[in-house]
Amino acid sequence: MNWLAHLFLSEPNGAHRLGNLLGDLVKGKERQELNSCFQTGIKCHLLIDSFTDKHLIFRRSKQRINENHRRYSPVLIDVFYDHFLATNWQKYSQDSLDIFTHEVYDSFYEYWDIIPVFPRMVIHRMMEQDWLGSFYYIYGVEASLKRIRAKLPFKHQDDFVVNSFLEQLEANYNELEQDFLEFFPEIIAYLDNQCC
């Protein structure tokens, strides 16, 4: 799952949400040294990733991606699932996507001074450009894929063909959306049983 889903699946407080984000942005020993208030959110992040990667529906979604792009299928499906969460938001939340994203962004400020510098810069850009809300639109999916491409080592960037990936989304749109709609209630139920 990508960031919108991670934040939706978090407990509704800034520390837990930030921990869930920092699980992606901070690695190794530096992650273990983060403020203790973030550790439960990091644990939740890892549970989400582990459950998702092993799930049969997620694997089925990866198989829908053309074999020429299969190397990147886990990343693509993570991003595509965030799009489907955004477009089906009313099925999972009584608040609008806009209200949710702004409430999430506002919840970060209480912890702003204890977020490490690099993640703070990324989170600032996310808030400023509303990365979470933009997943509703195809241009938001495209922008997310371009950000991922920019983080890859230069030698792999030519293989990460954003336009071809968007074509995969378009060609498999209904099937991928159905996969998501089957999968998401299962991860919600799983996390409800994990005290995450």
C-alpha atoms as a PDB file:
ATOM      1  CA  MET A   1       0.000   0.000   0.000  1.00  0.00           C
ATOM      2  CA  ASN A   2       1.125   3.535  -0.659  1.00  0.00           C
ATOM      3  CA  TRP A   3       0.952   6.580   1.610  1.00  0.00           C
ATOM      4  CA  LEU A   4      -2.745   7.414   1.381  1.00  0.00           C
ATOM      5  CA  ALA A   5      -3.691   3.901   2.470  1.00  0.00           C
ATOM      6  CA  HIS A   6      -1.012   3.840   5.173  1.00  0.00           C
ATOM      7  CA  LEU A   7      -2.380   7.053   6.643  1.00  0.00           C
ATOM      8  CA  PHE A   8      -5.999   5.944   6.359  1.00  0.00           C
ATOM      9  CA  LEU A   9      -5.126   2.714   8.178  1.00  0.00           C
ATOM     10  CA  SER A  10      -3.279   4.560  10.943  1.00  0.00           C
ATOM     11  CA  GLU A  11      -4.698   5.499  14.298  1.00  0.00           C
ATOM     12  CA  PRO A  12      -6.134   9.033  14.037  1.00  0.00           C
ATOM     13  CA  ASN A  13      -3.287  10.902  15.692  1.00  0.00           C
ATOM     14  CA  GLY A  14      -0.218  12.678  14.351  1.00  0.00           C
ATOM     15  CA  ALA A  15       2.433  10.502  16.005  1.00  0.00           C
ATOM     16  CA  HIS A  16       0.977   7.244  14.701  1.00  0.00           C
ATOM     17  CA  ARG A  17       0.460   8.684  11.223  1.00  0.00           C
ATOM     18  CA  LEU A  18       3.962  10.098  11.106  1.00  0.00           C
ATOM     19  CA  GLY A  19       5.407   6.797  12.274  1.00  0.00           C
ATOM     20  CA  ASN A  20       3.548   5.106   9.447  1.00  0.00           C
ATOM     21  CA  LEU A  21       5.137   7.522   6.950  1.00  0.00           C
ATOM     22  CA  LEU A  22       8.564   7.387   8.550  1.00  0.00           C
ATOM     23  CA  GLY A  23       8.503   3.624   8.092  1.00  0.00           C
ATOM     24  CA  ASP A  24       9.088   4.386   4.396  1.00  0.00           C
ATOM     25  CA  LEU A  25      11.329   7.416   4.744  1.00  0.00           C
ATOM     26  CA  VAL A  26      13.781   6.237   7.419  1.00  0.00           C
ATOM     27  CA  LYS A  27      15.639   2.922   7.312  1.00  0.00           C
ATOM     28  CA  GLY A  28      17.919   0.758   9.422  1.00  0.00           C
ATOM     29  CA  LYS A  29      19.482   2.004  12.624  1.00  0.00           C
ATOM     30  CA  GLU A  30      18.162   5.531  12.082  1.00  0.00           C
ATOM     31  CA  ARG A  31      14.601   4.153  12.136  1.00  0.00           C
ATOM     32  CA  GLN A  32      15.230   2.429  15.483  1.00  0.00           C
ATOM     33  CA  GLU A  33      16.561   5.701  16.898  1.00  0.00           C
ATOM     34  CA  LEU A  34      13.458   7.713  15.996  1.00  0.00           C
ATOM     35  CA  ASN A  35      11.465   9.207  18.853  1.00  0.00           C
ATOM     36  CA  SER A  36       9.556   6.501  20.718  1.00  0.00           C
ATOM     37  CA  CYS A  37       6.236   8.211  19.955  1.00  0.00           C
ATOM     38  CA  PHE A  38       6.637   7.114  16.301  1.00  0.00           C
ATOM     39  CA  GLN A  39       7.419   3.441  16.936  1.00  0.00           C
ATOM     40  CA  THR A  40       3.822   2.160  17.047  1.00  0.00           C
ATOM     41  CA  GLY A  41       3.145   3.780  13.680  1.00  0.00           C
ATOM     42  CA  ILE A  42       6.300   2.211  12.255  1.00  0.00           C
ATOM     43  CA  LYS A  43       5.150  -1.186  13.522  1.00  0.00           C
ATOM     44  CA  CYS A  44       1.806  -0.613  11.805  1.00  0.00           C
ATOM     45  CA  HIS A  45       3.605   0.317   8.573  1.00  0.00           C
ATOM     46  CA  LEU A  46       5.538  -2.950   8.630  1.00  0.00           C
ATOM     47  CA  LEU A  47       2.376  -4.983   9.350  1.00  0.00           C
ATOM     48  CA  ILE A  48       0.600  -3.348   6.411  1.00  0.00           C
ATOM     49  CA  ASP A  49       3.493  -4.028   4.047  1.00  0.00           C
ATOM     50  CA  SER A  50       3.896  -7.633   5.172  1.00  0.00           C
ATOM     51  CA  PHE A  51       0.177  -8.418   4.928  1.00  0.00           C
ATOM     52  CA  THR A  52      -0.113  -6.751   1.529  1.00  0.00           C
ATOM     53  CA  ASP A  53       2.938  -8.357  -0.060  1.00  0.00           C
ATOM     54  CA  LYS A  54       1.782 -11.869   0.897  1.00  0.00           C
ATOM     55  CA  HIS A  55      -1.893 -11.450   0.033  1.00  0.00           C
ATOM     56  CA  LEU A  56      -3.297 -13.470  -2.863  1.00  0.00           C
ATOM     57  CA  ILE A  57      -5.367 -10.570  -4.200  1.00  0.00           C
ATOM     58  CA  PHE A  58      -2.333  -8.275  -4.263  1.00  0.00           C
ATOM     59  CA  ARG A  59      -0.398 -11.013  -6.072  1.00  0.00           C
ATOM     60  CA  ARG A  60      -3.252 -11.358  -8.554  1.00  0.00           C
ATOM     61  CA  SER A  61      -3.096  -7.610  -9.210  1.00  0.00           C
ATOM     62  CA  LYS A  62       0.653  -7.841  -9.866  1.00  0.00           C
ATOM     63  CA  GLN A  63      -0.002 -10.563 -12.451  1.00  0.00           C
ATOM     64  CA  ARG A  64      -2.280  -8.181 -14.350  1.00  0.00           C
ATOM     65  CA  ILE A  65       0.737  -6.012 -15.178  1.00  0.00           C
ATOM     66  CA  ASN A  66       2.404  -6.763 -18.510  1.00  0.00           C
ATOM     67  CA  GLU A  67       5.370  -9.071 -17.998  1.00  0.00           C
ATOM     68  CA  ASN A  68       7.682  -6.433 -19.510  1.00  0.00           C
ATOM     69  CA  HIS A  69       6.898  -4.285 -16.465  1.00  0.00           C
ATOM     70  CA  ARG A  70       6.495  -7.059 -13.893  1.00  0.00           C
ATOM     71  CA  ARG A  71       9.721  -6.058 -12.135  1.00  0.00           C
ATOM     72  CA  TYR A  72       7.987  -2.913 -10.914  1.00  0.00           C
ATOM     73  CA  SER A  73       4.560  -4.439 -10.357  1.00  0.00           C
ATOM     74  CA  PRO A  74       4.625  -4.257  -6.515  1.00  0.00           C
ATOM     75  CA  VAL A  75       5.328  -0.523  -6.666  1.00  0.00           C
ATOM     76  CA  LEU A  76       2.747   0.041  -9.386  1.00  0.00           C
ATOM     77  CA  ILE A  77       0.013  -1.813  -7.531  1.00  0.00           C
ATOM     78  CA  ASP A  78       0.788   0.112  -4.334  1.00  0.00           C
ATOM     79  CA  VAL A  79       0.250   3.372  -6.213  1.00  0.00           C
ATOM     80  CA  PHE A  80      -2.769   2.126  -8.160  1.00  0.00           C
ATOM     81  CA  TYR A  81      -4.429   0.938  -4.949  1.00  0.00           C
ATOM     82  CA  ASP A  82      -4.062   4.441  -3.486  1.00  0.00           C
ATOM     83  CA  HIS A  83      -5.875   5.754  -6.561  1.00  0.00           C
ATOM     84  CA  PHE A  84      -8.691   3.268  -6.016  1.00  0.00           C
ATOM     85  CA  LEU A  85      -8.878   4.168  -2.340  1.00  0.00           C
ATOM     86  CA  ALA A  86      -9.254   7.828  -3.317  1.00  0.00           C
ATOM     87  CA  THR A  87     -11.887   7.168  -5.995  1.00  0.00           C
ATOM     88  CA  ASN A  88     -13.870   4.886  -3.666  1.00  0.00           C
ATOM     89  CA  TRP A  89     -13.290   6.996  -0.566  1.00  0.00           C
ATOM     90  CA  GLN A  90     -16.972   7.311   0.368  1.00  0.00           C
ATOM     91  CA  LYS A  91     -17.134   3.519   0.897  1.00  0.00           C
ATOM     92  CA  TYR A  92     -14.623   3.759   3.773  1.00  0.00           C
ATOM     93  CA  SER A  93     -15.016   7.177   5.363  1.00  0.00           C
ATOM     94  CA  GLN A  94     -17.820   9.510   6.391  1.00  0.00           C
ATOM     95  CA  ASP A  95     -15.487  12.480   5.896  1.00  0.00           C
ATOM     96  CA  SER A  96     -14.541  13.633   2.424  1.00  0.00           C
ATOM     97  CA  LEU A  97     -11.055  12.908   1.105  1.00  0.00           C
ATOM     98  CA  ASP A  98     -10.309  16.638   1.274  1.00  0.00           C
ATOM     99  CA  ILE A  99     -11.304  16.873   4.946  1.00  0.00           C
ATOM    100  CA  PHE A 100      -9.248  13.774   5.771  1.00  0.00           C
ATOM    101  CA  THR A 101      -6.088  14.948   4.017  1.00  0.00           C
ATOM    102  CA  HIS A 102      -6.176  18.380   5.609  1.00  0.00           C
ATOM    103  CA  GLU A 103      -6.809  16.889   9.048  1.00  0.00           C
ATOM    104  CA  VAL A 104      -3.838  14.549   8.513  1.00  0.00           C
ATOM    105  CA  TYR A 105      -1.571  17.394   7.419  1.00  0.00           C
ATOM    106  CA  ASP A 106      -2.615  19.504  10.412  1.00  0.00           C
ATOM    107  CA  SER A 107      -1.953  16.600  12.797  1.00  0.00           C
ATOM    108  CA  PHE A 108       1.747  16.580  11.836  1.00  0.00           C
ATOM    109  CA  TYR A 109       2.556  20.024  13.197  1.00  0.00           C
ATOM    110  CA  GLU A 110       2.560  18.967  16.861  1.00  0.00           C
ATOM    111  CA  TYR A 111       5.584  16.746  16.107  1.00  0.00           C
ATOM    112  CA  TRP A 112       7.249  18.903  13.467  1.00  0.00           C
ATOM    113  CA  ASP A 113      10.372  19.704  15.501  1.00  0.00           C
ATOM    114  CA  ILE A 114      11.207  16.051  16.193  1.00  0.00           C
ATOM    115  CA  ILE A 115      10.866  14.780  12.619  1.00  0.00           C
ATOM    116  CA  PRO A 116      14.333  14.215  11.113  1.00  0.00           C
ATOM    117  CA  VAL A 117      15.359  16.817   8.522  1.00  0.00           C
ATOM    118  CA  PHE A 118      15.087  14.786   5.294  1.00  0.00           C
ATOM    119  CA  PRO A 119      11.663  13.245   6.051  1.00  0.00           C
ATOM    120  CA  ARG A 120      10.437  16.659   7.181  1.00  0.00           C
ATOM    121  CA  MET A 121      11.380  18.098   3.772  1.00  0.00           C
ATOM    122  CA  VAL A 122       9.537  15.284   1.961  1.00  0.00           C
ATOM    123  CA  ILE A 123       6.469  15.620   4.177  1.00  0.00           C
ATOM    124  CA  HIS A 124       6.472  19.392   3.662  1.00  0.00           C
ATOM    125  CA  ARG A 125       6.387  18.878  -0.140  1.00  0.00           C
ATOM    126  CA  MET A 126       3.654  16.264   0.269  1.00  0.00           C
ATOM    127  CA  MET A 127       1.521  18.745   2.203  1.00  0.00           C
ATOM    128  CA  GLU A 128       2.307  21.729  -0.018  1.00  0.00           C
ATOM    129  CA  GLN A 129       1.439  19.820  -3.225  1.00  0.00           C
ATOM    130  CA  ASP A 130      -1.354  17.715  -1.644  1.00  0.00           C
ATOM    131  CA  TRP A 131       0.068  14.394  -2.787  1.00  0.00           C
ATOM    132  CA  LEU A 132      -2.583  12.506  -0.820  1.00  0.00           C
ATOM    133  CA  GLY A 133      -5.589  14.241  -2.339  1.00  0.00           C
ATOM    134  CA  SER A 134      -4.122  14.114  -5.828  1.00  0.00           C
ATOM    135  CA  PHE A 135      -4.388  10.298  -5.907  1.00  0.00           C
ATOM    136  CA  TYR A 136      -8.027  10.801  -6.891  1.00  0.00           C
ATOM    137  CA  TYR A 137      -6.812  11.929 -10.316  1.00  0.00           C
ATOM    138  CA  ILE A 138      -4.723  10.150 -12.936  1.00  0.00           C
ATOM    139  CA  TYR A 139      -2.342  13.115 -12.937  1.00  0.00           C
ATOM    140  CA  GLY A 140      -1.752  12.406  -9.237  1.00  0.00           C
ATOM    141  CA  VAL A 141      -0.894   8.782 -10.052  1.00  0.00           C
ATOM    142  CA  GLU A 142       1.444  10.031 -12.772  1.00  0.00           C
ATOM    143  CA  ALA A 143       3.104  12.510 -10.412  1.00  0.00           C
ATOM    144  CA  SER A 144       3.610   9.782  -7.806  1.00  0.00           C
ATOM    145  CA  LEU A 145       5.229   7.484 -10.361  1.00  0.00           C
ATOM    146  CA  LYS A 146       7.507  10.312 -11.507  1.00  0.00           C
ATOM    147  CA  ARG A 147       8.618  10.905  -7.912  1.00  0.00           C
ATOM    148  CA  ILE A 148       9.406   7.195  -7.548  1.00  0.00           C
ATOM    149  CA  ARG A 149      11.341   7.238 -10.838  1.00  0.00           C
ATOM    150  CA  ALA A 150      13.414  10.199  -9.652  1.00  0.00           C
ATOM    151  CA  LYS A 151      14.496   8.236  -6.543  1.00  0.00           C
ATOM    152  CA  LEU A 152      15.774   5.280  -8.555  1.00  0.00           C
ATOM    153  CA  PRO A 153      19.454   4.936  -9.394  1.00  0.00           C
ATOM    154  CA  PHE A 154      20.094   6.643 -12.721  1.00  0.00           C
ATOM    155  CA  LYS A 155      20.826   3.339 -14.501  1.00  0.00           C
ATOM    156  CA  HIS A 156      17.278   2.099 -13.713  1.00  0.00           C
ATOM    157  CA  GLN A 157      15.358   5.254 -14.574  1.00  0.00           C
ATOM    158  CA  ASP A 158      15.075   4.401 -18.285  1.00  0.00           C
ATOM    159  CA  ASP A 159      13.337   1.124 -17.335  1.00  0.00           C
ATOM    160  CA  PHE A 160      10.739   2.946 -15.234  1.00  0.00           C
ATOM    161  CA  VAL A 161       8.491   4.114 -18.081  1.00  0.00           C
ATOM    162  CA  VAL A 162       5.715   6.150 -16.514  1.00  0.00           C
ATOM    163  CA  ASN A 163       3.547   6.427 -19.656  1.00  0.00           C
ATOM    164  CA  SER A 164       3.635   2.650 -20.165  1.00  0.00           C
ATOM    165  CA  PHE A 165       2.682   2.125 -16.520  1.00  0.00           C
ATOM    166  CA  LEU A 166      -0.290   4.458 -16.910  1.00  0.00           C
ATOM    167  CA  GLU A 167      -1.320   2.440 -19.969  1.00  0.00           C
ATOM    168  CA  GLN A 168      -1.248  -0.672 -17.767  1.00  0.00           C
ATOM    169  CA  LEU A 169      -3.568   1.063 -15.305  1.00  0.00           C
ATOM    170  CA  GLU A 170      -5.946   2.056 -18.097  1.00  0.00           C
ATOM    171  CA  ALA A 171      -5.919  -1.397 -19.733  1.00  0.00           C
ATOM    172  CA  ASN A 172      -6.632  -3.205 -16.444  1.00  0.00           C
ATOM    173  CA  TYR A 173      -8.601  -0.494 -14.662  1.00  0.00           C
ATOM    174  CA  ASN A 174     -11.811  -2.388 -13.858  1.00  0.00           C
ATOM    175  CA  GLU A 175     -10.043  -5.583 -12.828  1.00  0.00           C
ATOM    176  CA  LEU A 176      -7.556  -3.737 -10.618  1.00  0.00           C
ATOM    177  CA  GLU A 177     -10.320  -1.724  -9.005  1.00  0.00           C
ATOM    178  CA  GLN A 178     -12.235  -4.912  -8.255  1.00  0.00           C
ATOM    179  CA  ASP A 179      -9.073  -6.424  -6.751  1.00  0.00           C
ATOM    180  CA  PHE A 180      -8.711  -3.392  -4.516  1.00  0.00           C
ATOM    181  CA  LEU A 181     -12.349  -3.495  -3.428  1.00  0.00           C
ATOM    182  CA  GLU A 182     -11.913  -7.143  -2.410  1.00  0.00           C
ATOM    183  CA  PHE A 183      -8.574  -6.567  -0.723  1.00  0.00           C
ATOM    184  CA  PHE A 184      -9.140  -3.410   1.315  1.00  0.00           C
ATOM    185  CA  PRO A 185     -11.802  -4.718   3.730  1.00  0.00           C
ATOM    186  CA  GLU A 186      -9.476  -7.623   4.475  1.00  0.00           C
ATOM    187  CA  ILE A 187      -6.554  -5.418   5.481  1.00  0.00           C
ATOM    188  CA  ILE A 188      -8.879  -3.264   7.609  1.00  0.00           C
ATOM    189  CA  ALA A 189     -10.106  -6.387   9.429  1.00  0.00           C
ATOM    190  CA  TYR A 190      -6.549  -7.684   9.809  1.00  0.00           C
ATOM    191  CA  LEU A 191      -5.315  -4.480  11.422  1.00  0.00           C
ATOM    192  CA  ASP A 192      -8.352  -4.308  13.703  1.00  0.00           C
ATOM    193  CA  ASN A 193      -7.186  -7.639  15.139  1.00  0.00           C
ATOM    194  CA  GLN A 194      -3.541  -6.537  15.526  1.00  0.00           C
ATOM    195  CA  CYS A 195      -4.046  -3.612  17.939  1.00  0.00           C
ATOM    196  CA  CYS A 196      -2.099  -1.513  15.458  1.00  0.00           C
END
